[in-house]
Amino acid sequence: MRTGYLSSLVFAFLTSLSLATHAAPAPRAETGATTATQEIAPKPQAVKVDLNAADAITLQRDLVGIGEAKAQEIVAYRDMNGPFATVDELLEVKGIGKAILDKNRERLVVN
């Protein structure tokens, strides 16, 4: 008799607990207009890469279309010919074309 009574109590407890969690109101997502802080939030700044100071890993990580081989070519060109005078001089590096330069022009600086 005690086992049946105990089982009934456990069943009643678990049922009420289950109902309480399902009956709780779900958190509402914001459906209104965006807040002023969301509208004014600045866009992340593009990373500026100095062609004369960056190592191959930095060039590979921060530039679009530049893999390990091209990054090493840029560093090798700089070591052999001295520092870059302009960003456009990057076109002299083997494997770097106008399309890659145009994709990265805003990210590149020469100091």
Protein backbone atom coordinates (compact mmCIF):
# COMPACT_ATOMS: atom_id res chain seq x y z
CA MET A 1 0.00 0.00 0.00
CA ARG A 2 2.83 2.38 0.81
CA THR A 3 4.47 1.74 -2.55
CA GLY A 4 1.31 2.67 -4.41
CA TYR A 5 0.88 5.82 -2.31
CA LEU A 6 4.49 6.86 -2.85
CA SER A 7 4.24 6.22 -6.60
CA SER A 8 1.10 8.34 -6.78
CA LEU A 9 2.82 11.21 -4.98
CA VAL A 10 5.87 11.06 -7.26
CA PHE A 11 3.64 10.93 -10.34
CA ALA A 12 1.58 13.90 -9.11
CA PHE A 13 4.73 15.90 -8.36
CA LEU A 14 6.31 15.23 -11.75
CA THR A 15 3.07 15.99 -13.57
CA SER A 16 2.63 19.32 -11.81
CA LEU A 17 6.28 20.20 -12.46
CA SER A 18 5.88 19.35 -16.15
CA LEU A 19 2.72 21.43 -16.43
CA ALA A 20 4.36 24.37 -14.69
CA THR A 21 7.23 24.46 -17.17
CA HIS A 22 4.96 24.19 -20.19
CA ALA A 23 2.50 26.75 -18.89
CA ALA A 24 5.17 29.38 -18.19
CA PRO A 25 5.07 32.23 -20.68
CA ALA A 26 7.79 32.07 -23.31
CA PRO A 27 10.12 35.08 -23.51
CA ARG A 28 9.05 37.37 -26.33
CA ALA A 29 11.45 38.50 -28.99
CA GLU A 30 11.57 42.22 -29.69
CA THR A 31 9.27 42.91 -32.58
CA GLY A 32 9.33 46.69 -32.43
CA ALA A 33 11.51 49.07 -34.37
CA THR A 34 15.22 48.95 -33.78
CA THR A 35 16.49 51.05 -30.96
CA ALA A 36 18.56 54.17 -31.46
CA THR A 37 21.72 52.47 -30.21
CA GLN A 38 21.38 49.75 -32.82
CA GLU A 39 20.97 52.28 -35.64
CA ILE A 40 23.95 54.39 -34.57
CA ALA A 41 26.34 51.52 -33.85
CA PRO A 42 29.50 52.04 -35.89
CA LYS A 43 30.57 49.53 -38.48
CA PRO A 44 33.76 47.67 -37.64
CA GLN A 45 36.84 49.36 -39.05
CA ALA A 46 38.76 47.51 -41.73
CA VAL A 47 42.17 46.34 -40.67
CA LYS A 48 44.98 48.40 -42.21
CA VAL A 49 48.00 46.34 -43.26
CA ASP A 50 51.35 48.07 -43.73
CA LEU A 51 53.02 46.42 -46.70
CA ASN A 52 56.45 47.38 -45.39
CA ALA A 53 56.00 46.02 -41.87
CA ALA A 54 53.63 43.04 -42.13
CA ASP A 55 54.93 39.51 -42.02
CA ALA A 56 53.63 36.69 -44.21
CA ILE A 57 51.17 35.46 -41.57
CA THR A 58 49.61 38.92 -41.18
CA LEU A 59 49.32 39.37 -44.94
CA GLN A 60 47.68 35.97 -45.30
CA ARG A 61 45.26 36.57 -42.43
CA ASP A 62 44.18 40.13 -43.20
CA LEU A 63 44.09 40.29 -46.99
CA VAL A 64 41.51 38.80 -49.34
CA GLY A 65 42.81 36.30 -51.89
CA ILE A 66 46.26 36.10 -50.34
CA GLY A 67 47.31 32.62 -49.32
CA GLU A 68 50.54 31.37 -47.85
CA ALA A 69 52.46 31.32 -51.16
CA LYS A 70 51.45 34.84 -52.22
CA ALA A 71 52.16 36.23 -48.76
CA GLN A 72 55.65 34.76 -48.89
CA GLU A 73 56.14 36.21 -52.38
CA ILE A 74 55.23 39.68 -51.08
CA VAL A 75 57.74 39.39 -48.24
CA ALA A 76 60.43 38.02 -50.58
CA TYR A 77 59.86 40.89 -53.05
CA ARG A 78 60.14 43.41 -50.22
CA ASP A 79 63.35 41.80 -48.96
CA MET A 80 64.94 41.83 -52.43
CA ASN A 81 63.75 45.26 -53.67
CA GLY A 82 63.41 47.27 -50.49
CA PRO A 83 60.26 48.80 -49.03
CA PHE A 84 57.20 49.45 -51.16
CA ALA A 85 56.87 53.07 -52.28
CA THR A 86 53.17 52.80 -53.19
CA VAL A 87 50.38 50.29 -52.85
CA ASP A 88 50.31 49.94 -56.65
CA GLU A 89 53.85 48.55 -56.56
CA LEU A 90 52.26 45.36 -55.21
CA LEU A 91 51.39 44.55 -58.84
CA GLU A 92 55.09 43.82 -59.41
CA VAL A 93 54.88 40.80 -57.10
CA LYS A 94 54.47 37.47 -58.89
CA GLY A 95 50.91 36.18 -58.48
CA ILE A 96 49.35 39.53 -57.56
CA GLY A 97 47.05 40.96 -60.20
CA LYS A 98 44.79 43.97 -60.50
CA ALA A 99 41.77 42.07 -59.14
CA ILE A 100 43.52 41.12 -55.90
CA LEU A 101 44.92 44.63 -55.52
CA ASP A 102 41.47 46.17 -56.02
CA LYS A 103 39.93 43.83 -53.42
CA ASN A 104 42.53 44.87 -50.85
CA ARG A 105 43.23 48.52 -51.73
CA GLU A 106 41.25 49.87 -48.75
CA ARG A 107 43.15 47.56 -46.37
CA LEU A 108 46.66 48.43 -47.55
CA VAL A 109 48.94 51.25 -46.44
CA VAL A 110 52.59 52.01 -47.12
CA ASN A 111 54.55 53.68 -44.34
